[in-house]
Every structure is written in C-alpha cells, then in structure tokens.
Amino acid sequence: MGATTSAAAGVTRAGCPRTAATDMPQATVVAVAPVIVGSLSIAGRTKNVAEARAFVARTLGSAHPCADDAVLLCSELVTNAVVHSESGQPGGTVTVVVVGLPGAVRVEVVDNGSARSTPVVKDEVFEPDGHGLFLVEQLADHWGYTRDEVGTTVWFRLLC
C-alpha cells in the first residue's frame, strides 16, 4: 500500500517528507541526544587532578578509542582550573562532566570562575609551562568555554 500525501504539501501520512522530483519518501535523520555518562566534583587542589584523570579513564573505559586523549586533556583543564581560577582557593571546587555523543565524547570542566582572565591559548612553545590549552586546541576536534556569574566551563569534543 502506498503512502498518501496529506494537505500539508510534501508530507506523507507517515510523516516522511517527499522529494519534489520523484514523490518518494526521503530518509529521516533522527538526532540522538547527548547523554551525561558521569560527573565528579572535587576540591580544587592540584593533588586531586589525579582523581579527575582516574575518573575519566574509569568512566570511558580502557577500550574507548578516545580514552587516552580525553584523560590527558581533562588533566590539563582541571590543572588550569585549580591554578587560574577561584577553584584553587579554600573551599573551591572543580566539576568534571563526561558527555557521550554519537561517535564522540565531550568533557566539560567547570570551575568557580576568575576575575583575572578568560582561557587563552599560549602559542609560545618554548615556555616551560602554559601549554594546557595548546594541547586541547591541537588534540580536540572542537573546544570552547562559557563564563557566567557562577564560573567558567571549558569543554572539548573528541571524535572517536
């Protein structure tokens, strides 16, 4: 039995749009929503960076194709949060969120914010430190940050 076209031009009774040239149903793309795979909040101390790394490794699992890069980049962002934001002050926290996407993973690092500066990629490769965001920029497929009155969220996405 063929599909019939409704009064709304180009839509079949089954809800599939039709192409004008052939009057055949087109494929429908179904978007898959991101899924929070795990979340961890830690005290903003450099000694807790290892805990954040272990959390990402455990959450993704050793067989995940993006696990090594995700662990490295998370480590860099958590270190930056502790060193460059209010998260490093007494009572400060850092939250790591791992988000599963179709064919990708996104990691978000949320800190307590800073009045000093926004995240900046340093391109001076001969400096002894300050290469965290440079690594993120080089290894991640996409990255960015948002700032609001609560803090700063720096995130990266890796295609796996």
C-alpha atoms as a PDB file:
ATOM      1  CA  MET A   1       0.000   0.000   0.000  1.00  0.00           C
ATOM      2  CA  GLY A   2       1.443   3.413  -0.946  1.00  0.00           C
ATOM      3  CA  ALA A   3       1.670   6.382   1.349  1.00  0.00           C
ATOM      4  CA  THR A   4      -0.730   9.194   0.659  1.00  0.00           C
ATOM      5  CA  THR A   5       0.122  12.852   0.780  1.00  0.00           C
ATOM      6  CA  SER A   6      -1.631  14.994   3.368  1.00  0.00           C
ATOM      7  CA  ALA A   7      -2.923  18.511   2.910  1.00  0.00           C
ATOM      8  CA  ALA A   8       0.428  19.812   4.098  1.00  0.00           C
ATOM      9  CA  ALA A   9       2.451  19.780   0.884  1.00  0.00           C
ATOM     10  CA  GLY A  10       5.341  17.382   0.792  1.00  0.00           C
ATOM     11  CA  VAL A  11       4.442  15.329   3.887  1.00  0.00           C
ATOM     12  CA  THR A  12       3.240  11.750   3.733  1.00  0.00           C
ATOM     13  CA  ARG A  13       0.687  10.286   6.120  1.00  0.00           C
ATOM     14  CA  ALA A  14       3.602   8.533   7.853  1.00  0.00           C
ATOM     15  CA  GLY A  15       5.251  11.911   8.398  1.00  0.00           C
ATOM     16  CA  CYS A  16       8.155  11.378   5.957  1.00  0.00           C
ATOM     17  CA  PRO A  17       8.877  14.327   3.677  1.00  0.00           C
ATOM     18  CA  ARG A  18       8.758  13.601  -0.066  1.00  0.00           C
ATOM     19  CA  THR A  19      11.111  14.796  -2.724  1.00  0.00           C
ATOM     20  CA  ALA A  20       9.535  17.038  -5.356  1.00  0.00           C
ATOM     21  CA  ALA A  21      11.070  15.250  -8.360  1.00  0.00           C
ATOM     22  CA  THR A  22      10.171  11.658  -7.550  1.00  0.00           C
ATOM     23  CA  ASP A  23       7.473  11.912  -4.892  1.00  0.00           C
ATOM     24  CA  MET A  24       9.444   9.262  -2.953  1.00  0.00           C
ATOM     25  CA  PRO A  25       9.886   9.422   0.827  1.00  0.00           C
ATOM     26  CA  GLN A  26      13.198  10.928   1.967  1.00  0.00           C
ATOM     27  CA  ALA A  27      15.268   9.476   4.767  1.00  0.00           C
ATOM     28  CA  THR A  28      14.534  10.992   8.142  1.00  0.00           C
ATOM     29  CA  VAL A  29      17.503  11.914  10.315  1.00  0.00           C
ATOM     30  CA  VAL A  30      16.949  11.173  13.973  1.00  0.00           C
ATOM     31  CA  ALA A  31      19.092  13.245  16.317  1.00  0.00           C
ATOM     32  CA  VAL A  32      20.450  11.396  19.310  1.00  0.00           C
ATOM     33  CA  ALA A  33      20.591  13.499  22.447  1.00  0.00           C
ATOM     34  CA  PRO A  34      23.823  13.803  24.391  1.00  0.00           C
ATOM     35  CA  VAL A  35      23.974  11.598  27.477  1.00  0.00           C
ATOM     36  CA  ILE A  36      25.806  12.513  30.678  1.00  0.00           C
ATOM     37  CA  VAL A  37      27.917   9.443  31.303  1.00  0.00           C
ATOM     38  CA  GLY A  38      29.369  10.648  34.589  1.00  0.00           C
ATOM     39  CA  SER A  39      30.088  13.642  36.771  1.00  0.00           C
ATOM     40  CA  LEU A  40      32.640  14.233  39.526  1.00  0.00           C
ATOM     41  CA  SER A  41      33.162  17.201  41.838  1.00  0.00           C
ATOM     42  CA  ILE A  42      36.483  17.510  43.637  1.00  0.00           C
ATOM     43  CA  ALA A  43      38.167  20.028  45.895  1.00  0.00           C
ATOM     44  CA  GLY A  44      40.226  22.467  43.854  1.00  0.00           C
ATOM     45  CA  ARG A  45      43.649  21.153  44.794  1.00  0.00           C
ATOM     46  CA  THR A  46      46.460  20.072  42.482  1.00  0.00           C
ATOM     47  CA  LYS A  47      46.680  16.731  44.302  1.00  0.00           C
ATOM     48  CA  ASN A  48      43.119  15.983  43.103  1.00  0.00           C
ATOM     49  CA  VAL A  49      43.994  16.254  39.399  1.00  0.00           C
ATOM     50  CA  ALA A  50      44.939  12.562  39.500  1.00  0.00           C
ATOM     51  CA  GLU A  51      41.446  11.768  40.796  1.00  0.00           C
ATOM     52  CA  ALA A  52      39.910  13.620  37.830  1.00  0.00           C
ATOM     53  CA  ARG A  53      42.142  11.681  35.400  1.00  0.00           C
ATOM     54  CA  ALA A  54      41.200   8.372  37.000  1.00  0.00           C
ATOM     55  CA  PHE A  55      37.503   9.308  36.865  1.00  0.00           C
ATOM     56  CA  VAL A  56      37.602   9.984  33.109  1.00  0.00           C
ATOM     57  CA  ALA A  57      39.616   6.809  32.470  1.00  0.00           C
ATOM     58  CA  ARG A  58      37.198   4.717  34.534  1.00  0.00           C
ATOM     59  CA  THR A  59      34.104   6.365  33.026  1.00  0.00           C
ATOM     60  CA  LEU A  60      35.185   5.832  29.416  1.00  0.00           C
ATOM     61  CA  GLY A  61      36.932   2.512  29.985  1.00  0.00           C
ATOM     62  CA  SER A  62      40.280   1.384  28.592  1.00  0.00           C
ATOM     63  CA  ALA A  63      38.744   0.133  25.329  1.00  0.00           C
ATOM     64  CA  HIS A  64      37.223   3.524  24.437  1.00  0.00           C
ATOM     65  CA  PRO A  65      39.038   4.911  21.368  1.00  0.00           C
ATOM     66  CA  CYS A  66      39.220   8.426  22.833  1.00  0.00           C
ATOM     67  CA  ALA A  67      40.111   7.484  26.412  1.00  0.00           C
ATOM     68  CA  ASP A  68      43.814   8.410  26.375  1.00  0.00           C
ATOM     69  CA  ASP A  69      43.299  11.831  24.772  1.00  0.00           C
ATOM     70  CA  ALA A  70      40.288  12.559  26.990  1.00  0.00           C
ATOM     71  CA  VAL A  71      42.268  11.734  30.143  1.00  0.00           C
ATOM     72  CA  LEU A  72      45.204  13.924  29.058  1.00  0.00           C
ATOM     73  CA  LEU A  73      43.066  16.901  28.084  1.00  0.00           C
ATOM     74  CA  CYS A  74      40.907  16.631  31.193  1.00  0.00           C
ATOM     75  CA  SER A  75      44.068  16.672  33.287  1.00  0.00           C
ATOM     76  CA  GLU A  76      45.208  19.874  31.589  1.00  0.00           C
ATOM     77  CA  LEU A  77      41.855  21.602  32.074  1.00  0.00           C
ATOM     78  CA  VAL A  78      41.496  20.596  35.726  1.00  0.00           C
ATOM     79  CA  THR A  79      45.031  21.823  36.410  1.00  0.00           C
ATOM     80  CA  ASN A  80      44.181  25.133  34.726  1.00  0.00           C
ATOM     81  CA  ALA A  81      41.006  25.420  36.792  1.00  0.00           C
ATOM     82  CA  VAL A  82      42.918  24.924  40.046  1.00  0.00           C
ATOM     83  CA  VAL A  83      45.796  27.240  39.124  1.00  0.00           C
ATOM     84  CA  HIS A  84      43.953  30.040  37.310  1.00  0.00           C
ATOM     85  CA  SER A  85      40.508  30.261  38.949  1.00  0.00           C
ATOM     86  CA  GLU A  86      38.880  30.706  42.317  1.00  0.00           C
ATOM     87  CA  SER A  87      38.573  26.922  42.460  1.00  0.00           C
ATOM     88  CA  GLY A  88      42.126  26.831  43.834  1.00  0.00           C
ATOM     89  CA  GLN A  89      41.115  28.921  46.861  1.00  0.00           C
ATOM     90  CA  PRO A  90      39.969  27.332  50.149  1.00  0.00           C
ATOM     91  CA  GLY A  91      36.535  25.790  49.619  1.00  0.00           C
ATOM     92  CA  GLY A  92      36.878  25.894  45.819  1.00  0.00           C
ATOM     93  CA  THR A  93      35.704  23.019  43.662  1.00  0.00           C
ATOM     94  CA  VAL A  94      36.105  21.685  40.146  1.00  0.00           C
ATOM     95  CA  THR A  95      33.468  19.560  38.441  1.00  0.00           C
ATOM     96  CA  VAL A  96      34.216  17.205  35.551  1.00  0.00           C
ATOM     97  CA  VAL A  97      31.332  16.087  33.340  1.00  0.00           C
ATOM     98  CA  VAL A  98      31.711  13.368  30.691  1.00  0.00           C
ATOM     99  CA  VAL A  99      29.077  13.502  27.952  1.00  0.00           C
ATOM    100  CA  GLY A 100      28.532  10.709  25.448  1.00  0.00           C
ATOM    101  CA  LEU A 101      27.669  11.688  21.885  1.00  0.00           C
ATOM    102  CA  PRO A 102      27.217   9.508  18.804  1.00  0.00           C
ATOM    103  CA  GLY A 103      30.785   8.861  17.630  1.00  0.00           C
ATOM    104  CA  ALA A 104      32.254  11.368  20.063  1.00  0.00           C
ATOM    105  CA  VAL A 105      32.855  12.280  23.669  1.00  0.00           C
ATOM    106  CA  ARG A 106      32.672  15.705  25.282  1.00  0.00           C
ATOM    107  CA  VAL A 107      34.358  16.550  28.563  1.00  0.00           C
ATOM    108  CA  GLU A 108      33.443  19.690  30.492  1.00  0.00           C
ATOM    109  CA  VAL A 109      35.477  21.155  33.356  1.00  0.00           C
ATOM    110  CA  VAL A 110      33.551  23.615  35.486  1.00  0.00           C
ATOM    111  CA  ASP A 111      35.414  25.921  37.869  1.00  0.00           C
ATOM    112  CA  ASN A 112      34.480  28.720  40.272  1.00  0.00           C
ATOM    113  CA  GLY A 113      35.453  31.426  37.810  1.00  0.00           C
ATOM    114  CA  SER A 114      38.070  34.141  37.870  1.00  0.00           C
ATOM    115  CA  ALA A 115      38.036  37.896  37.715  1.00  0.00           C
ATOM    116  CA  ARG A 116      41.512  37.795  36.172  1.00  0.00           C
ATOM    117  CA  SER A 117      41.131  36.384  32.702  1.00  0.00           C
ATOM    118  CA  THR A 118      39.435  34.161  30.183  1.00  0.00           C
ATOM    119  CA  PRO A 119      41.015  30.942  28.883  1.00  0.00           C
ATOM    120  CA  VAL A 120      43.812  31.796  26.435  1.00  0.00           C
ATOM    121  CA  VAL A 121      45.897  29.525  24.220  1.00  0.00           C
ATOM    122  CA  LYS A 122      49.570  30.379  24.572  1.00  0.00           C
ATOM    123  CA  ASP A 123      51.438  29.793  21.350  1.00  0.00           C
ATOM    124  CA  GLU A 124      54.948  30.199  22.745  1.00  0.00           C
ATOM    125  CA  VAL A 125      56.138  26.589  22.585  1.00  0.00           C
ATOM    126  CA  PHE A 126      59.470  27.237  24.316  1.00  0.00           C
ATOM    127  CA  GLU A 127      57.937  28.411  27.596  1.00  0.00           C
ATOM    128  CA  PRO A 128      58.274  25.890  30.438  1.00  0.00           C
ATOM    129  CA  ASP A 129      54.553  25.881  31.222  1.00  0.00           C
ATOM    130  CA  GLY A 130      51.229  27.138  29.941  1.00  0.00           C
ATOM    131  CA  HIS A 131      50.629  24.523  27.260  1.00  0.00           C
ATOM    132  CA  GLY A 132      47.357  23.074  28.573  1.00  0.00           C
ATOM    133  CA  LEU A 133      45.006  24.853  26.183  1.00  0.00           C
ATOM    134  CA  PHE A 134      47.529  24.490  23.373  1.00  0.00           C
ATOM    135  CA  LEU A 135      47.256  20.710  23.784  1.00  0.00           C
ATOM    136  CA  VAL A 136      43.466  20.967  23.883  1.00  0.00           C
ATOM    137  CA  GLU A 137      43.496  23.029  20.704  1.00  0.00           C
ATOM    138  CA  GLN A 138      45.818  20.557  18.958  1.00  0.00           C
ATOM    139  CA  LEU A 139      44.145  17.283  20.010  1.00  0.00           C
ATOM    140  CA  ALA A 140      40.448  18.125  20.336  1.00  0.00           C
ATOM    141  CA  ASP A 141      38.165  18.275  17.338  1.00  0.00           C
ATOM    142  CA  HIS A 142      36.434  21.252  18.901  1.00  0.00           C
ATOM    143  CA  TRP A 143      36.705  23.155  22.181  1.00  0.00           C
ATOM    144  CA  GLY A 144      35.392  26.282  23.825  1.00  0.00           C
ATOM    145  CA  TYR A 145      34.326  27.899  27.040  1.00  0.00           C
ATOM    146  CA  THR A 146      31.436  29.733  28.632  1.00  0.00           C
ATOM    147  CA  ARG A 147      31.549  32.143  31.528  1.00  0.00           C
ATOM    148  CA  ASP A 148      28.728  33.235  33.775  1.00  0.00           C
ATOM    149  CA  GLU A 149      28.240  34.557  37.299  1.00  0.00           C
ATOM    150  CA  VAL A 150      28.823  31.083  38.769  1.00  0.00           C
ATOM    151  CA  GLY A 151      32.066  30.198  36.992  1.00  0.00           C
ATOM    152  CA  THR A 152      33.742  29.077  33.805  1.00  0.00           C
ATOM    153  CA  THR A 153      33.122  25.875  31.866  1.00  0.00           C
ATOM    154  CA  VAL A 154      35.871  24.813  29.480  1.00  0.00           C
ATOM    155  CA  TRP A 155      34.978  21.875  27.246  1.00  0.00           C
ATOM    156  CA  PHE A 156      36.384  19.801  24.441  1.00  0.00           C
ATOM    157  CA  ARG A 157      34.956  17.279  21.997  1.00  0.00           C
ATOM    158  CA  LEU A 158      36.827  14.320  20.574  1.00  0.00           C
ATOM    159  CA  LEU A 159      35.512  12.380  17.589  1.00  0.00           C
ATOM    160  CA  CYS A 160      36.018   8.671  18.196  1.00  0.00           C
END
